[in-house]
Amino acid sequence: MKMIFAIVNNDDSTVASSALTEAGFSVTRLSTTGGFLMVGNTTLLIGTEDDKCKDAIEILRHHCTTRKRMNSSTTSFGAGLKNHSLPEEITVGGATVFVLSVDQMEKF
């Protein structure tokens, strides 16, 4: 058995979790905040059998897309050290996925 931790942008979380649920995966959503941009994310917890892990990751890959946005440089840590505060283009979205092996799972 595997436990998938997927950190996704809030903009993608509803569509991704709905697609996972429609495909038969059980999904738990946690509200989280990223440390770099200090914006809202959603961490999805997905428990699945080993042979279904790749299917879940493909669903995430399909629904969690990257995009460009303009961001004030004062949003991220260390911005106070810069001499300017011009907006900069950054990439947001996508997913960061961790897959862990599960020794035991009980549901009651």
N, C-alpha and C. Protein backbone atom coordinates (compact mmCIF):
# COMPACT_ATOMS: atom_id res chain seq x y z
N MET A 1 0.84 -1.18 0.00
CA MET A 1 0.00 0.00 0.00
C MET A 1 0.89 1.24 0.00
N LYS A 2 0.38 2.32 -0.60
CA LYS A 2 1.11 3.58 -0.69
C LYS A 2 0.27 4.72 -0.13
N MET A 3 0.96 5.72 0.38
CA MET A 3 0.32 6.98 0.80
C MET A 3 0.94 8.06 -0.06
N ILE A 4 0.08 8.77 -0.80
CA ILE A 4 0.53 9.86 -1.66
C ILE A 4 0.20 11.18 -0.99
N PHE A 5 1.20 12.02 -0.82
CA PHE A 5 1.03 13.39 -0.35
C PHE A 5 1.24 14.28 -1.57
N ALA A 6 0.20 15.00 -1.98
CA ALA A 6 0.31 15.87 -3.15
C ALA A 6 0.00 17.30 -2.72
N ILE A 7 0.98 18.17 -2.84
CA ILE A 7 0.80 19.58 -2.51
C ILE A 7 0.48 20.30 -3.81
N VAL A 8 -0.75 20.83 -3.90
CA VAL A 8 -1.22 21.44 -5.15
C VAL A 8 -1.71 22.86 -4.89
N ASN A 9 -1.72 23.66 -5.92
CA ASN A 9 -2.23 25.03 -5.84
C ASN A 9 -3.73 24.98 -5.57
N ASN A 10 -4.23 25.91 -4.76
CA ASN A 10 -5.67 25.95 -4.47
C ASN A 10 -6.52 26.00 -5.74
N ASP A 11 -6.02 26.66 -6.78
CA ASP A 11 -6.77 26.77 -8.02
C ASP A 11 -7.01 25.41 -8.68
N ASP A 12 -6.14 24.44 -8.42
CA ASP A 12 -6.23 23.12 -9.03
C ASP A 12 -6.85 22.08 -8.10
N SER A 13 -6.96 22.38 -6.82
CA SER A 13 -7.29 21.35 -5.83
C SER A 13 -8.68 20.75 -6.01
N THR A 14 -9.68 21.55 -6.30
CA THR A 14 -11.04 21.02 -6.42
C THR A 14 -11.17 20.09 -7.61
N VAL A 15 -10.64 20.51 -8.75
CA VAL A 15 -10.73 19.68 -9.95
C VAL A 15 -9.93 18.39 -9.77
N ALA A 16 -8.74 18.50 -9.19
CA ALA A 16 -7.89 17.32 -9.01
C ALA A 16 -8.53 16.33 -8.03
N SER A 17 -9.02 16.83 -6.90
CA SER A 17 -9.61 15.91 -5.92
C SER A 17 -10.91 15.30 -6.45
N SER A 18 -11.67 16.05 -7.22
CA SER A 18 -12.89 15.49 -7.84
C SER A 18 -12.54 14.39 -8.83
N ALA A 19 -11.53 14.62 -9.65
CA ALA A 19 -11.11 13.60 -10.62
C ALA A 19 -10.60 12.35 -9.92
N LEU A 20 -9.86 12.53 -8.84
CA LEU A 20 -9.37 11.37 -8.08
C LEU A 20 -10.53 10.59 -7.47
N THR A 21 -11.50 11.30 -6.92
CA THR A 21 -12.66 10.65 -6.32
C THR A 21 -13.47 9.90 -7.38
N GLU A 22 -13.67 10.51 -8.54
CA GLU A 22 -14.40 9.86 -9.63
C GLU A 22 -13.70 8.59 -10.09
N ALA A 23 -12.36 8.56 -9.97
CA ALA A 23 -11.59 7.38 -10.37
C ALA A 23 -11.54 6.33 -9.27
N GLY A 24 -12.21 6.60 -8.14
CA GLY A 24 -12.28 5.59 -7.08
C GLY A 24 -11.28 5.74 -5.96
N PHE A 25 -10.52 6.83 -5.95
CA PHE A 25 -9.54 7.06 -4.88
C PHE A 25 -10.21 7.79 -3.72
N SER A 26 -9.79 7.45 -2.51
CA SER A 26 -10.22 8.19 -1.32
C SER A 26 -9.23 9.32 -1.11
N VAL A 27 -9.75 10.54 -0.95
CA VAL A 27 -8.90 11.71 -0.86
C VAL A 27 -9.27 12.51 0.38
N THR A 28 -8.25 12.92 1.14
CA THR A 28 -8.42 13.84 2.26
C THR A 28 -7.71 15.13 1.89
N ARG A 29 -8.40 16.26 2.07
CA ARG A 29 -7.85 17.57 1.72
C ARG A 29 -7.47 18.32 2.99
N LEU A 30 -6.26 18.89 2.99
CA LEU A 30 -5.79 19.73 4.09
C LEU A 30 -5.41 21.09 3.53
N SER A 31 -5.84 22.16 4.20
CA SER A 31 -5.44 23.50 3.80
C SER A 31 -4.03 23.75 4.31
N THR A 32 -3.14 24.17 3.41
CA THR A 32 -1.75 24.44 3.78
C THR A 32 -1.29 25.74 3.14
N THR A 33 -0.17 26.25 3.61
CA THR A 33 0.40 27.48 3.07
C THR A 33 1.85 27.22 2.69
N GLY A 34 2.22 27.62 1.49
CA GLY A 34 3.59 27.45 1.04
C GLY A 34 4.52 28.43 1.75
N GLY A 35 5.74 28.01 1.98
CA GLY A 35 6.70 28.84 2.69
C GLY A 35 7.41 29.86 1.81
N PHE A 36 7.48 29.62 0.51
CA PHE A 36 8.21 30.54 -0.36
C PHE A 36 7.35 31.72 -0.78
N LEU A 37 6.18 31.45 -1.37
CA LEU A 37 5.32 32.53 -1.84
C LEU A 37 4.27 32.93 -0.81
N MET A 38 4.15 32.16 0.24
CA MET A 38 3.17 32.43 1.30
C MET A 38 1.75 32.49 0.75
N VAL A 39 1.42 31.60 -0.18
CA VAL A 39 0.08 31.53 -0.74
C VAL A 39 -0.56 30.20 -0.36
N GLY A 40 -1.88 30.16 -0.46
CA GLY A 40 -2.61 28.97 -0.07
C GLY A 40 -2.39 27.81 -1.03
N ASN A 41 -2.22 26.65 -0.44
CA ASN A 41 -2.13 25.40 -1.17
C ASN A 41 -3.12 24.44 -0.55
N THR A 42 -3.28 23.31 -1.18
CA THR A 42 -4.03 22.21 -0.61
C THR A 42 -3.15 20.99 -0.67
N THR A 43 -3.04 20.28 0.44
CA THR A 43 -2.31 19.02 0.47
C THR A 43 -3.34 17.91 0.42
N LEU A 44 -3.21 17.07 -0.60
CA LEU A 44 -4.11 15.94 -0.77
C LEU A 44 -3.43 14.68 -0.23
N LEU A 45 -4.14 13.94 0.60
CA LEU A 45 -3.66 12.66 1.11
C LEU A 45 -4.45 11.57 0.41
N ILE A 46 -3.75 10.68 -0.26
CA ILE A 46 -4.39 9.64 -1.06
C ILE A 46 -3.78 8.29 -0.68
N GLY A 47 -4.57 7.44 -0.07
CA GLY A 47 -4.12 6.08 0.23
C GLY A 47 -4.55 5.17 -0.89
N THR A 48 -3.64 4.35 -1.40
CA THR A 48 -3.97 3.49 -2.54
C THR A 48 -3.10 2.24 -2.55
N GLU A 49 -3.57 1.27 -3.28
CA GLU A 49 -2.78 0.05 -3.49
C GLU A 49 -1.62 0.37 -4.43
N ASP A 50 -0.55 -0.40 -4.30
CA ASP A 50 0.67 -0.15 -5.08
C ASP A 50 0.39 -0.05 -6.58
N ASP A 51 -0.45 -0.92 -7.12
CA ASP A 51 -0.66 -0.96 -8.56
C ASP A 51 -1.51 0.20 -9.07
N LYS A 52 -2.13 0.97 -8.20
CA LYS A 52 -2.95 2.12 -8.60
C LYS A 52 -2.22 3.45 -8.41
N CYS A 53 -1.04 3.42 -7.86
CA CYS A 53 -0.29 4.64 -7.54
C CYS A 53 0.00 5.47 -8.80
N LYS A 54 0.44 4.83 -9.86
CA LYS A 54 0.74 5.55 -11.10
C LYS A 54 -0.51 6.21 -11.69
N ASP A 55 -1.66 5.54 -11.54
CA ASP A 55 -2.91 6.13 -12.04
C ASP A 55 -3.24 7.42 -11.31
N ALA A 56 -3.08 7.42 -9.99
CA ALA A 56 -3.35 8.62 -9.19
C ALA A 56 -2.41 9.75 -9.58
N ILE A 57 -1.15 9.44 -9.78
CA ILE A 57 -0.17 10.46 -10.16
C ILE A 57 -0.48 11.02 -11.54
N GLU A 58 -0.94 10.19 -12.46
CA GLU A 58 -1.31 10.68 -13.79
C GLU A 58 -2.51 11.63 -13.73
N ILE A 59 -3.46 11.33 -12.86
CA ILE A 59 -4.60 12.24 -12.68
C ILE A 59 -4.12 13.58 -12.15
N LEU A 60 -3.22 13.54 -11.17
CA LEU A 60 -2.66 14.78 -10.63
C LEU A 60 -1.90 15.55 -11.71
N ARG A 61 -1.10 14.85 -12.48
CA ARG A 61 -0.32 15.49 -13.55
C ARG A 61 -1.24 16.18 -14.57
N HIS A 62 -2.36 15.54 -14.87
CA HIS A 62 -3.31 16.09 -15.85
C HIS A 62 -4.03 17.33 -15.33
N HIS A 63 -4.37 17.36 -14.04
CA HIS A 63 -5.20 18.43 -13.50
C HIS A 63 -4.44 19.53 -12.74
N CYS A 64 -3.19 19.33 -12.46
CA CYS A 64 -2.39 20.32 -11.71
C CYS A 64 -1.37 20.93 -12.66
N THR A 65 -1.75 22.01 -13.29
CA THR A 65 -0.92 22.60 -14.33
C THR A 65 -0.17 23.82 -13.81
N THR A 66 0.97 24.08 -14.41
CA THR A 66 1.73 25.27 -14.05
C THR A 66 1.26 26.44 -14.91
N ARG A 67 1.42 27.63 -14.38
CA ARG A 67 1.08 28.85 -15.10
C ARG A 67 1.97 29.98 -14.59
N LYS A 68 2.05 31.03 -15.36
CA LYS A 68 2.86 32.20 -14.99
C LYS A 68 1.98 33.25 -14.35
N ARG A 69 2.52 33.97 -13.39
CA ARG A 69 1.80 35.10 -12.81
C ARG A 69 2.83 36.13 -12.35
N MET A 70 2.38 37.36 -12.28
CA MET A 70 3.24 38.44 -11.80
C MET A 70 3.12 38.49 -10.28
N ASN A 71 4.24 38.63 -9.62
CA ASN A 71 4.26 38.62 -8.16
C ASN A 71 5.18 39.72 -7.66
N SER A 72 4.74 40.42 -6.66
CA SER A 72 5.60 41.42 -6.03
C SER A 72 6.72 40.70 -5.31
N SER A 73 7.93 41.19 -5.45
CA SER A 73 9.07 40.52 -4.81
C SER A 73 9.01 40.62 -3.30
N THR A 74 8.13 41.45 -2.77
CA THR A 74 8.03 41.56 -1.31
C THR A 74 7.23 40.42 -0.70
N THR A 75 6.67 39.52 -1.52
CA THR A 75 5.87 38.41 -1.01
C THR A 75 6.74 37.32 -0.41
N SER A 76 7.90 37.06 -0.97
CA SER A 76 8.71 35.94 -0.51
C SER A 76 9.68 36.37 0.59
N PHE A 77 10.16 35.38 1.32
CA PHE A 77 11.11 35.65 2.39
C PHE A 77 12.37 36.31 1.85
N GLY A 78 12.97 37.15 2.61
CA GLY A 78 14.22 37.78 2.23
C GLY A 78 14.04 38.95 1.29
N ALA A 79 12.80 39.29 0.96
CA ALA A 79 12.57 40.38 0.02
C ALA A 79 13.04 41.72 0.59
N GLY A 80 13.04 41.86 1.90
CA GLY A 80 13.48 43.11 2.50
C GLY A 80 14.95 43.38 2.26
N LEU A 81 15.69 42.38 1.86
CA LEU A 81 17.11 42.55 1.59
C LEU A 81 17.38 43.09 0.20
N LYS A 82 16.34 43.08 -0.65
CA LYS A 82 16.52 43.58 -2.02
C LYS A 82 16.40 45.10 -2.03
N ASN A 83 17.06 45.70 -3.00
CA ASN A 83 17.01 47.16 -3.14
C ASN A 83 15.83 47.61 -3.99
N HIS A 84 15.08 46.70 -4.53
CA HIS A 84 13.96 47.06 -5.38
C HIS A 84 12.75 46.19 -5.04
N SER A 85 11.61 46.61 -5.48
CA SER A 85 10.40 45.80 -5.26
C SER A 85 9.60 45.72 -6.55
N LEU A 86 10.30 45.53 -7.66
CA LEU A 86 9.64 45.40 -8.94
C LEU A 86 8.94 44.05 -9.03
N PRO A 87 7.77 44.00 -9.66
CA PRO A 87 7.10 42.71 -9.84
C PRO A 87 7.96 41.79 -10.69
N GLU A 88 7.84 40.51 -10.42
CA GLU A 88 8.59 39.53 -11.20
C GLU A 88 7.65 38.40 -11.61
N GLU A 89 7.93 37.83 -12.78
CA GLU A 89 7.11 36.73 -13.26
C GLU A 89 7.56 35.44 -12.59
N ILE A 90 6.60 34.70 -12.03
CA ILE A 90 6.92 33.44 -11.37
C ILE A 90 6.01 32.35 -11.91
N THR A 91 6.43 31.11 -11.73
CA THR A 91 5.62 29.95 -12.11
C THR A 91 4.90 29.45 -10.88
N VAL A 92 3.59 29.28 -10.98
CA VAL A 92 2.79 28.73 -9.88
C VAL A 92 2.03 27.52 -10.41
N GLY A 93 1.47 26.77 -9.49
CA GLY A 93 0.68 25.60 -9.86
C GLY A 93 1.54 24.36 -9.93
N GLY A 94 1.05 23.39 -10.64
CA GLY A 94 1.71 22.10 -10.69
C GLY A 94 1.45 21.36 -9.39
N ALA A 95 2.26 20.39 -9.10
CA ALA A 95 2.11 19.62 -7.87
C ALA A 95 3.47 19.13 -7.41
N THR A 96 3.61 19.03 -6.11
CA THR A 96 4.76 18.36 -5.51
C THR A 96 4.21 17.10 -4.87
N VAL A 97 4.71 15.95 -5.29
CA VAL A 97 4.12 14.67 -4.90
C VAL A 97 5.16 13.82 -4.18
N PHE A 98 4.77 13.32 -3.02
CA PHE A 98 5.59 12.39 -2.25
C PHE A 98 4.81 11.07 -2.15
N VAL A 99 5.50 9.95 -2.38
CA VAL A 99 4.88 8.63 -2.27
C VAL A 99 5.62 7.85 -1.19
N LEU A 100 4.88 7.42 -0.19
CA LEU A 100 5.47 6.67 0.92
C LEU A 100 4.86 5.27 0.97
N SER A 101 5.67 4.29 1.36
CA SER A 101 5.16 2.95 1.58
C SER A 101 4.46 2.90 2.94
N VAL A 102 3.36 2.18 2.98
CA VAL A 102 2.57 2.04 4.21
C VAL A 102 2.69 0.60 4.68
N ASP A 103 3.17 0.40 5.90
CA ASP A 103 3.30 -0.94 6.45
C ASP A 103 1.96 -1.50 6.91
N GLN A 104 1.11 -0.65 7.42
CA GLN A 104 -0.17 -1.11 7.93
C GLN A 104 -1.20 0.01 7.82
N MET A 105 -2.44 -0.40 7.48
CA MET A 105 -3.54 0.55 7.41
C MET A 105 -4.76 -0.14 8.01
N GLU A 106 -5.43 0.58 8.88
CA GLU A 106 -6.68 0.08 9.46
C GLU A 106 -7.74 1.13 9.29
N LYS A 107 -8.94 0.68 8.97
CA LYS A 107 -10.06 1.59 8.81
C LYS A 107 -11.21 1.03 9.61
N PHE A 108 -11.67 1.78 10.60
CA PHE A 108 -12.80 1.32 11.41
C PHE A 108 -13.64 2.46 11.90
